[in-house]
Amino acid sequence: MSDDRWWTDTYHDTVPRVRRYLARQLPQDEIDDALADVYLTAWVRRDRLADCPMPIAWLMTVAHNVTRHRHRTRKRTCPEQLAATISPPDTDPTADQVVDRHMAFEATAALASLAPPDRTIVTLRILGERGFRTIADTIGLHPATARQRYRRALQRLRRVTARN
Protein backbone atom coordinates (compact mmCIF):
# COMPACT_ATOMS: atom_id res chain seq x y z
CA MET A 1 0.00 0.00 0.00
CA SER A 2 1.34 3.42 -0.89
CA ASP A 3 2.23 5.94 1.82
CA ASP A 4 -0.48 8.35 0.66
CA ARG A 5 -3.13 5.64 0.76
CA TRP A 6 -1.96 4.43 4.18
CA TRP A 7 -2.07 7.99 5.53
CA THR A 8 -5.56 8.61 4.10
CA ASP A 9 -6.89 5.33 5.52
CA THR A 10 -5.34 5.99 8.93
CA TYR A 11 -6.76 9.52 8.99
CA HIS A 12 -10.30 8.42 8.08
CA ASP A 13 -10.20 5.51 10.53
CA THR A 14 -8.98 7.55 13.51
CA VAL A 15 -10.33 11.09 13.17
CA PRO A 16 -13.81 10.36 14.68
CA ARG A 17 -12.32 8.87 17.86
CA VAL A 18 -9.74 11.62 18.24
CA ARG A 19 -12.44 14.26 17.68
CA ARG A 20 -14.68 12.66 20.36
CA TYR A 21 -11.79 12.68 22.82
CA LEU A 22 -11.02 16.33 22.10
CA ALA A 23 -14.72 17.21 22.41
CA ARG A 24 -14.72 15.84 25.95
CA GLN A 25 -11.55 17.71 26.89
CA LEU A 26 -11.85 21.13 25.24
CA PRO A 27 -14.37 23.90 24.61
CA GLN A 28 -16.32 23.56 21.36
CA ASP A 29 -14.51 26.42 19.66
CA GLU A 30 -11.08 24.78 20.17
CA ILE A 31 -11.83 21.28 18.88
CA ASP A 32 -11.08 21.86 15.19
CA ASP A 33 -7.83 23.68 15.92
CA ALA A 34 -6.71 20.96 18.34
CA LEU A 35 -7.62 18.26 15.81
CA ALA A 36 -5.52 20.08 13.21
CA ASP A 37 -2.62 20.22 15.70
CA VAL A 38 -2.87 16.47 16.34
CA TYR A 39 -2.81 15.56 12.67
CA LEU A 40 -0.12 18.12 11.86
CA THR A 41 2.08 16.41 14.45
CA ALA A 42 1.14 13.04 12.95
CA TRP A 43 2.01 14.27 9.46
CA VAL A 44 5.36 15.69 10.54
CA ARG A 45 6.19 12.44 12.35
CA ARG A 46 4.42 10.07 9.98
CA ASP A 47 7.51 7.86 9.79
CA ARG A 48 7.10 7.11 13.55
CA LEU A 49 3.37 6.69 13.14
CA ALA A 50 3.82 4.25 10.26
CA ASP A 51 6.00 2.03 12.49
CA CYS A 52 3.43 2.06 15.30
CA PRO A 53 1.32 -1.14 15.53
CA MET A 54 -1.65 0.83 16.95
CA PRO A 55 -1.79 4.30 15.36
CA ILE A 56 -4.84 5.27 17.44
CA ALA A 57 -2.88 4.85 20.67
CA TRP A 58 -0.11 7.10 19.35
CA LEU A 59 -2.63 9.67 18.10
CA MET A 60 -4.51 9.65 21.42
CA THR A 61 -1.24 10.37 23.21
CA VAL A 62 -0.66 13.31 20.89
CA ALA A 63 -4.27 14.47 21.46
CA HIS A 64 -3.75 14.23 25.22
CA ASN A 65 -0.58 16.34 24.96
CA VAL A 66 -2.35 18.90 22.76
CA THR A 67 -5.18 19.25 25.29
CA ARG A 68 -2.70 19.62 28.16
CA HIS A 69 -0.90 22.36 26.24
CA ARG A 70 -4.18 24.15 25.55
CA HIS A 71 -5.23 23.91 29.21
CA ARG A 72 -1.88 25.34 30.33
CA THR A 73 -2.19 28.14 27.80
CA ARG A 74 -5.72 28.90 28.97
CA LYS A 75 -4.54 29.13 32.59
CA ARG A 76 -2.05 31.81 31.53
CA THR A 77 -4.81 33.86 29.89
CA CYS A 78 -5.61 37.01 31.82
CA PRO A 79 -8.84 36.86 33.87
CA GLU A 80 -10.58 39.56 31.79
CA GLN A 81 -10.18 37.52 28.61
CA LEU A 82 -11.35 34.39 30.40
CA ALA A 83 -14.39 36.17 31.84
CA ALA A 84 -15.36 37.36 28.35
CA THR A 85 -15.59 33.74 27.14
CA ILE A 86 -17.97 32.61 29.89
CA SER A 87 -21.61 32.69 28.94
CA PRO A 88 -24.05 34.02 31.55
CA PRO A 89 -26.10 31.39 33.41
CA ASP A 90 -29.72 30.78 32.57
CA THR A 91 -31.93 33.23 34.40
CA ASP A 92 -34.53 30.54 35.05
CA PRO A 93 -32.95 27.06 34.99
CA THR A 94 -35.17 24.00 35.19
CA ALA A 95 -34.85 21.56 38.07
CA ASP A 96 -33.12 19.05 35.78
CA GLN A 97 -30.54 21.65 34.77
CA VAL A 98 -29.82 22.45 38.40
CA VAL A 99 -29.39 18.74 39.22
CA ASP A 100 -27.20 18.21 36.14
CA ARG A 101 -24.98 21.15 37.08
CA HIS A 102 -24.68 19.90 40.65
CA MET A 103 -23.77 16.38 39.50
CA ALA A 104 -21.26 17.71 36.98
CA PHE A 105 -19.70 19.87 39.69
CA GLU A 106 -19.43 16.90 42.07
CA ALA A 107 -17.97 14.66 39.38
CA THR A 108 -15.42 17.31 38.41
CA ALA A 109 -14.44 17.83 42.04
CA ALA A 110 -14.09 14.08 42.60
CA LEU A 111 -11.90 13.69 39.49
CA ALA A 112 -9.80 16.66 40.57
CA SER A 113 -9.02 14.83 43.81
CA LEU A 114 -7.15 12.15 41.85
CA ALA A 115 -3.50 12.37 40.88
CA PRO A 116 -3.10 13.44 37.22
CA PRO A 117 -1.99 9.99 35.95
CA ASP A 118 -4.94 8.29 37.68
CA ARG A 119 -7.31 10.96 36.39
CA THR A 120 -6.06 10.25 32.87
CA ILE A 121 -6.65 6.52 33.27
CA VAL A 122 -10.18 7.02 34.63
CA THR A 123 -10.99 9.53 31.89
CA LEU A 124 -9.72 7.28 29.12
CA ARG A 125 -11.55 4.25 30.55
CA ILE A 126 -14.92 5.84 31.33
CA LEU A 127 -15.26 8.81 28.99
CA GLY A 128 -12.93 7.55 26.29
CA GLU A 129 -14.37 4.01 26.42
CA ARG A 130 -10.87 2.58 26.00
CA GLY A 131 -9.69 -0.88 26.95
CA PHE A 132 -6.81 -1.37 29.35
CA ARG A 133 -4.45 -2.41 26.56
CA THR A 134 -5.12 0.84 24.68
CA ILE A 135 -4.83 2.88 27.87
CA ALA A 136 -1.55 1.16 28.70
CA ASP A 137 -0.19 1.83 25.21
CA THR A 138 -1.34 5.44 25.39
CA ILE A 139 0.38 6.29 28.66
CA GLY A 140 3.23 3.78 28.54
CA LEU A 141 2.21 1.24 31.18
CA HIS A 142 1.67 -2.50 31.27
CA PRO A 143 -2.07 -3.36 30.86
CA ALA A 144 -2.17 -5.02 34.30
CA THR A 145 -0.70 -1.87 35.87
CA ALA A 146 -3.29 0.31 34.12
CA ARG A 147 -6.08 -2.01 35.35
CA GLN A 148 -4.77 -1.91 38.92
CA ARG A 149 -4.39 1.89 38.93
CA TYR A 150 -7.91 2.23 37.50
CA ARG A 151 -9.32 -0.01 40.26
CA ARG A 152 -7.53 1.99 42.96
CA ALA A 153 -8.62 5.30 41.44
CA LEU A 154 -12.26 4.12 41.46
CA GLN A 155 -11.90 3.18 45.12
CA ARG A 156 -10.62 6.69 45.85
CA LEU A 157 -13.51 8.21 43.89
CA ARG A 158 -16.01 6.12 45.86
CA ARG A 159 -14.51 7.32 49.14
CA VAL A 160 -14.58 10.97 48.00
CA THR A 161 -18.18 10.81 46.77
CA ALA A 162 -19.32 8.92 49.89
CA ARG A 163 -18.04 11.79 52.06
CA ASN A 164 -20.06 14.30 50.07
C-alpha atoms as a PDB file:
ATOM      1  CA  MET A   1       0.000   0.000   0.000  1.00  0.00           C
ATOM      2  CA  SER A   2       1.341   3.420  -0.895  1.00  0.00           C
ATOM      3  CA  ASP A   3       2.229   5.939   1.816  1.00  0.00           C
ATOM      4  CA  ASP A   4      -0.483   8.345   0.665  1.00  0.00           C
ATOM      5  CA  ARG A   5      -3.132   5.636   0.765  1.00  0.00           C
ATOM      6  CA  TRP A   6      -1.960   4.433   4.178  1.00  0.00           C
ATOM      7  CA  TRP A   7      -2.069   7.990   5.530  1.00  0.00           C
ATOM      8  CA  THR A   8      -5.556   8.606   4.102  1.00  0.00           C
ATOM      9  CA  ASP A   9      -6.894   5.332   5.523  1.00  0.00           C
ATOM     10  CA  THR A  10      -5.344   5.989   8.930  1.00  0.00           C
ATOM     11  CA  TYR A  11      -6.757   9.515   8.994  1.00  0.00           C
ATOM     12  CA  HIS A  12     -10.297   8.422   8.077  1.00  0.00           C
ATOM     13  CA  ASP A  13     -10.200   5.506  10.533  1.00  0.00           C
ATOM     14  CA  THR A  14      -8.982   7.553  13.506  1.00  0.00           C
ATOM     15  CA  VAL A  15     -10.333  11.090  13.171  1.00  0.00           C
ATOM     16  CA  PRO A  16     -13.810  10.362  14.675  1.00  0.00           C
ATOM     17  CA  ARG A  17     -12.323   8.866  17.861  1.00  0.00           C
ATOM     18  CA  VAL A  18      -9.736  11.621  18.240  1.00  0.00           C
ATOM     19  CA  ARG A  19     -12.441  14.260  17.682  1.00  0.00           C
ATOM     20  CA  ARG A  20     -14.682  12.658  20.360  1.00  0.00           C
ATOM     21  CA  TYR A  21     -11.785  12.677  22.822  1.00  0.00           C
ATOM     22  CA  LEU A  22     -11.020  16.332  22.096  1.00  0.00           C
ATOM     23  CA  ALA A  23     -14.721  17.215  22.412  1.00  0.00           C
ATOM     24  CA  ARG A  24     -14.720  15.843  25.950  1.00  0.00           C
ATOM     25  CA  GLN A  25     -11.548  17.709  26.888  1.00  0.00           C
ATOM     26  CA  LEU A  26     -11.848  21.130  25.235  1.00  0.00           C
ATOM     27  CA  PRO A  27     -14.375  23.902  24.608  1.00  0.00           C
ATOM     28  CA  GLN A  28     -16.322  23.558  21.361  1.00  0.00           C
ATOM     29  CA  ASP A  29     -14.508  26.417  19.657  1.00  0.00           C
ATOM     30  CA  GLU A  30     -11.083  24.783  20.175  1.00  0.00           C
ATOM     31  CA  ILE A  31     -11.832  21.279  18.881  1.00  0.00           C
ATOM     32  CA  ASP A  32     -11.079  21.856  15.193  1.00  0.00           C
ATOM     33  CA  ASP A  33      -7.827  23.676  15.924  1.00  0.00           C
ATOM     34  CA  ALA A  34      -6.712  20.960  18.336  1.00  0.00           C
ATOM     35  CA  LEU A  35      -7.621  18.264  15.805  1.00  0.00           C
ATOM     36  CA  ALA A  36      -5.516  20.078  13.212  1.00  0.00           C
ATOM     37  CA  ASP A  37      -2.622  20.221  15.702  1.00  0.00           C
ATOM     38  CA  VAL A  38      -2.872  16.469  16.341  1.00  0.00           C
ATOM     39  CA  TYR A  39      -2.809  15.559  12.668  1.00  0.00           C
ATOM     40  CA  LEU A  40      -0.122  18.121  11.861  1.00  0.00           C
ATOM     41  CA  THR A  41       2.080  16.415  14.453  1.00  0.00           C
ATOM     42  CA  ALA A  42       1.142  13.042  12.949  1.00  0.00           C
ATOM     43  CA  TRP A  43       2.007  14.269   9.458  1.00  0.00           C
ATOM     44  CA  VAL A  44       5.362  15.691  10.544  1.00  0.00           C
ATOM     45  CA  ARG A  45       6.188  12.443  12.354  1.00  0.00           C
ATOM     46  CA  ARG A  46       4.417  10.067   9.984  1.00  0.00           C
ATOM     47  CA  ASP A  47       7.512   7.862   9.792  1.00  0.00           C
ATOM     48  CA  ARG A  48       7.104   7.110  13.545  1.00  0.00           C
ATOM     49  CA  LEU A  49       3.369   6.688  13.141  1.00  0.00           C
ATOM     50  CA  ALA A  50       3.821   4.246  10.262  1.00  0.00           C
ATOM     51  CA  ASP A  51       6.002   2.033  12.492  1.00  0.00           C
ATOM     52  CA  CYS A  52       3.427   2.056  15.303  1.00  0.00           C
ATOM     53  CA  PRO A  53       1.321  -1.143  15.530  1.00  0.00           C
ATOM     54  CA  MET A  54      -1.646   0.827  16.947  1.00  0.00           C
ATOM     55  CA  PRO A  55      -1.787   4.304  15.361  1.00  0.00           C
ATOM     56  CA  ILE A  56      -4.842   5.267  17.443  1.00  0.00           C
ATOM     57  CA  ALA A  57      -2.881   4.853  20.673  1.00  0.00           C
ATOM     58  CA  TRP A  58      -0.111   7.100  19.352  1.00  0.00           C
ATOM     59  CA  LEU A  59      -2.629   9.672  18.102  1.00  0.00           C
ATOM     60  CA  MET A  60      -4.513   9.647  21.422  1.00  0.00           C
ATOM     61  CA  THR A  61      -1.239  10.367  23.215  1.00  0.00           C
ATOM     62  CA  VAL A  62      -0.657  13.312  20.894  1.00  0.00           C
ATOM     63  CA  ALA A  63      -4.271  14.468  21.462  1.00  0.00           C
ATOM     64  CA  HIS A  64      -3.749  14.227  25.221  1.00  0.00           C
ATOM     65  CA  ASN A  65      -0.584  16.335  24.960  1.00  0.00           C
ATOM     66  CA  VAL A  66      -2.349  18.902  22.756  1.00  0.00           C
ATOM     67  CA  THR A  67      -5.180  19.246  25.294  1.00  0.00           C
ATOM     68  CA  ARG A  68      -2.699  19.621  28.156  1.00  0.00           C
ATOM     69  CA  HIS A  69      -0.902  22.356  26.244  1.00  0.00           C
ATOM     70  CA  ARG A  70      -4.183  24.150  25.551  1.00  0.00           C
ATOM     71  CA  HIS A  71      -5.234  23.914  29.211  1.00  0.00           C
ATOM     72  CA  ARG A  72      -1.880  25.336  30.330  1.00  0.00           C
ATOM     73  CA  THR A  73      -2.185  28.142  27.799  1.00  0.00           C
ATOM     74  CA  ARG A  74      -5.717  28.898  28.971  1.00  0.00           C
ATOM     75  CA  LYS A  75      -4.535  29.131  32.592  1.00  0.00           C
ATOM     76  CA  ARG A  76      -2.055  31.810  31.527  1.00  0.00           C
ATOM     77  CA  THR A  77      -4.809  33.864  29.889  1.00  0.00           C
ATOM     78  CA  CYS A  78      -5.613  37.010  31.815  1.00  0.00           C
ATOM     79  CA  PRO A  79      -8.838  36.861  33.869  1.00  0.00           C
ATOM     80  CA  GLU A  80     -10.576  39.557  31.795  1.00  0.00           C
ATOM     81  CA  GLN A  81     -10.179  37.519  28.607  1.00  0.00           C
ATOM     82  CA  LEU A  82     -11.352  34.394  30.396  1.00  0.00           C
ATOM     83  CA  ALA A  83     -14.389  36.171  31.836  1.00  0.00           C
ATOM     84  CA  ALA A  84     -15.355  37.355  28.353  1.00  0.00           C
ATOM     85  CA  THR A  85     -15.587  33.735  27.142  1.00  0.00           C
ATOM     86  CA  ILE A  86     -17.973  32.605  29.887  1.00  0.00           C
ATOM     87  CA  SER A  87     -21.606  32.693  28.941  1.00  0.00           C
ATOM     88  CA  PRO A  88     -24.052  34.019  31.549  1.00  0.00           C
ATOM     89  CA  PRO A  89     -26.098  31.387  33.410  1.00  0.00           C
ATOM     90  CA  ASP A  90     -29.724  30.777  32.570  1.00  0.00           C
ATOM     91  CA  THR A  91     -31.932  33.231  34.402  1.00  0.00           C
ATOM     92  CA  ASP A  92     -34.533  30.535  35.046  1.00  0.00           C
ATOM     93  CA  PRO A  93     -32.951  27.058  34.986  1.00  0.00           C
ATOM     94  CA  THR A  94     -35.166  23.998  35.193  1.00  0.00           C
ATOM     95  CA  ALA A  95     -34.855  21.562  38.073  1.00  0.00           C
ATOM     96  CA  ASP A  96     -33.123  19.047  35.776  1.00  0.00           C
ATOM     97  CA  GLN A  97     -30.539  21.655  34.766  1.00  0.00           C
ATOM     98  CA  VAL A  98     -29.815  22.448  38.401  1.00  0.00           C
ATOM     99  CA  VAL A  99     -29.393  18.744  39.225  1.00  0.00           C
ATOM    100  CA  ASP A 100     -27.203  18.210  36.136  1.00  0.00           C
ATOM    101  CA  ARG A 101     -24.978  21.145  37.080  1.00  0.00           C
ATOM    102  CA  HIS A 102     -24.680  19.902  40.646  1.00  0.00           C
ATOM    103  CA  MET A 103     -23.774  16.377  39.497  1.00  0.00           C
ATOM    104  CA  ALA A 104     -21.259  17.710  36.978  1.00  0.00           C
ATOM    105  CA  PHE A 105     -19.699  19.869  39.689  1.00  0.00           C
ATOM    106  CA  GLU A 106     -19.433  16.901  42.072  1.00  0.00           C
ATOM    107  CA  ALA A 107     -17.971  14.655  39.377  1.00  0.00           C
ATOM    108  CA  THR A 108     -15.417  17.312  38.409  1.00  0.00           C
ATOM    109  CA  ALA A 109     -14.437  17.834  42.039  1.00  0.00           C
ATOM    110  CA  ALA A 110     -14.092  14.082  42.597  1.00  0.00           C
ATOM    111  CA  LEU A 111     -11.901  13.686  39.489  1.00  0.00           C
ATOM    112  CA  ALA A 112      -9.795  16.661  40.566  1.00  0.00           C
ATOM    113  CA  SER A 113      -9.023  14.825  43.815  1.00  0.00           C
ATOM    114  CA  LEU A 114      -7.145  12.145  41.848  1.00  0.00           C
ATOM    115  CA  ALA A 115      -3.496  12.371  40.878  1.00  0.00           C
ATOM    116  CA  PRO A 116      -3.105  13.438  37.223  1.00  0.00           C
ATOM    117  CA  PRO A 117      -1.990   9.992  35.946  1.00  0.00           C
ATOM    118  CA  ASP A 118      -4.942   8.293  37.676  1.00  0.00           C
ATOM    119  CA  ARG A 119      -7.312  10.962  36.389  1.00  0.00           C
ATOM    120  CA  THR A 120      -6.060  10.249  32.867  1.00  0.00           C
ATOM    121  CA  ILE A 121      -6.649   6.516  33.275  1.00  0.00           C
ATOM    122  CA  VAL A 122     -10.176   7.015  34.633  1.00  0.00           C
ATOM    123  CA  THR A 123     -10.993   9.533  31.895  1.00  0.00           C
ATOM    124  CA  LEU A 124      -9.722   7.284  29.121  1.00  0.00           C
ATOM    125  CA  ARG A 125     -11.548   4.254  30.549  1.00  0.00           C
ATOM    126  CA  ILE A 126     -14.924   5.838  31.333  1.00  0.00           C
ATOM    127  CA  LEU A 127     -15.264   8.806  28.989  1.00  0.00           C
ATOM    128  CA  GLY A 128     -12.933   7.550  26.287  1.00  0.00           C
ATOM    129  CA  GLU A 129     -14.368   4.010  26.424  1.00  0.00           C
ATOM    130  CA  ARG A 130     -10.875   2.581  26.004  1.00  0.00           C
ATOM    131  CA  GLY A 131      -9.690  -0.881  26.949  1.00  0.00           C
ATOM    132  CA  PHE A 132      -6.813  -1.368  29.346  1.00  0.00           C
ATOM    133  CA  ARG A 133      -4.452  -2.407  26.557  1.00  0.00           C
ATOM    134  CA  THR A 134      -5.125   0.839  24.677  1.00  0.00           C
ATOM    135  CA  ILE A 135      -4.826   2.878  27.874  1.00  0.00           C
ATOM    136  CA  ALA A 136      -1.553   1.161  28.702  1.00  0.00           C
ATOM    137  CA  ASP A 137      -0.192   1.833  25.209  1.00  0.00           C
ATOM    138  CA  THR A 138      -1.344   5.443  25.388  1.00  0.00           C
ATOM    139  CA  ILE A 139       0.376   6.287  28.662  1.00  0.00           C
ATOM    140  CA  GLY A 140       3.231   3.776  28.542  1.00  0.00           C
ATOM    141  CA  LEU A 141       2.208   1.235  31.180  1.00  0.00           C
ATOM    142  CA  HIS A 142       1.668  -2.499  31.274  1.00  0.00           C
ATOM    143  CA  PRO A 143      -2.065  -3.356  30.864  1.00  0.00           C
ATOM    144  CA  ALA A 144      -2.167  -5.019  34.303  1.00  0.00           C
ATOM    145  CA  THR A 145      -0.703  -1.867  35.867  1.00  0.00           C
ATOM    146  CA  ALA A 146      -3.295   0.310  34.117  1.00  0.00           C
ATOM    147  CA  ARG A 147      -6.082  -2.006  35.349  1.00  0.00           C
ATOM    148  CA  GLN A 148      -4.770  -1.909  38.922  1.00  0.00           C
ATOM    149  CA  ARG A 149      -4.385   1.890  38.928  1.00  0.00           C
ATOM    150  CA  TYR A 150      -7.914   2.232  37.503  1.00  0.00           C
ATOM    151  CA  ARG A 151      -9.318  -0.006  40.256  1.00  0.00           C
ATOM    152  CA  ARG A 152      -7.532   1.988  42.963  1.00  0.00           C
ATOM    153  CA  ALA A 153      -8.625   5.296  41.439  1.00  0.00           C
ATOM    154  CA  LEU A 154     -12.260   4.118  41.459  1.00  0.00           C
ATOM    155  CA  GLN A 155     -11.904   3.178  45.125  1.00  0.00           C
ATOM    156  CA  ARG A 156     -10.620   6.687  45.853  1.00  0.00           C
ATOM    157  CA  LEU A 157     -13.508   8.213  43.886  1.00  0.00           C
ATOM    158  CA  ARG A 158     -16.011   6.122  45.858  1.00  0.00           C
ATOM    159  CA  ARG A 159     -14.514   7.324  49.143  1.00  0.00           C
ATOM    160  CA  VAL A 160     -14.576  10.968  47.995  1.00  0.00           C
ATOM    161  CA  THR A 161     -18.178  10.807  46.768  1.00  0.00           C
ATOM    162  CA  ALA A 162     -19.322   8.924  49.891  1.00  0.00           C
ATOM    163  CA  ARG A 163     -18.041  11.786  52.055  1.00  0.00           C
ATOM    164  CA  ASN A 164     -20.057  14.297  50.072  1.00  0.00           C
END
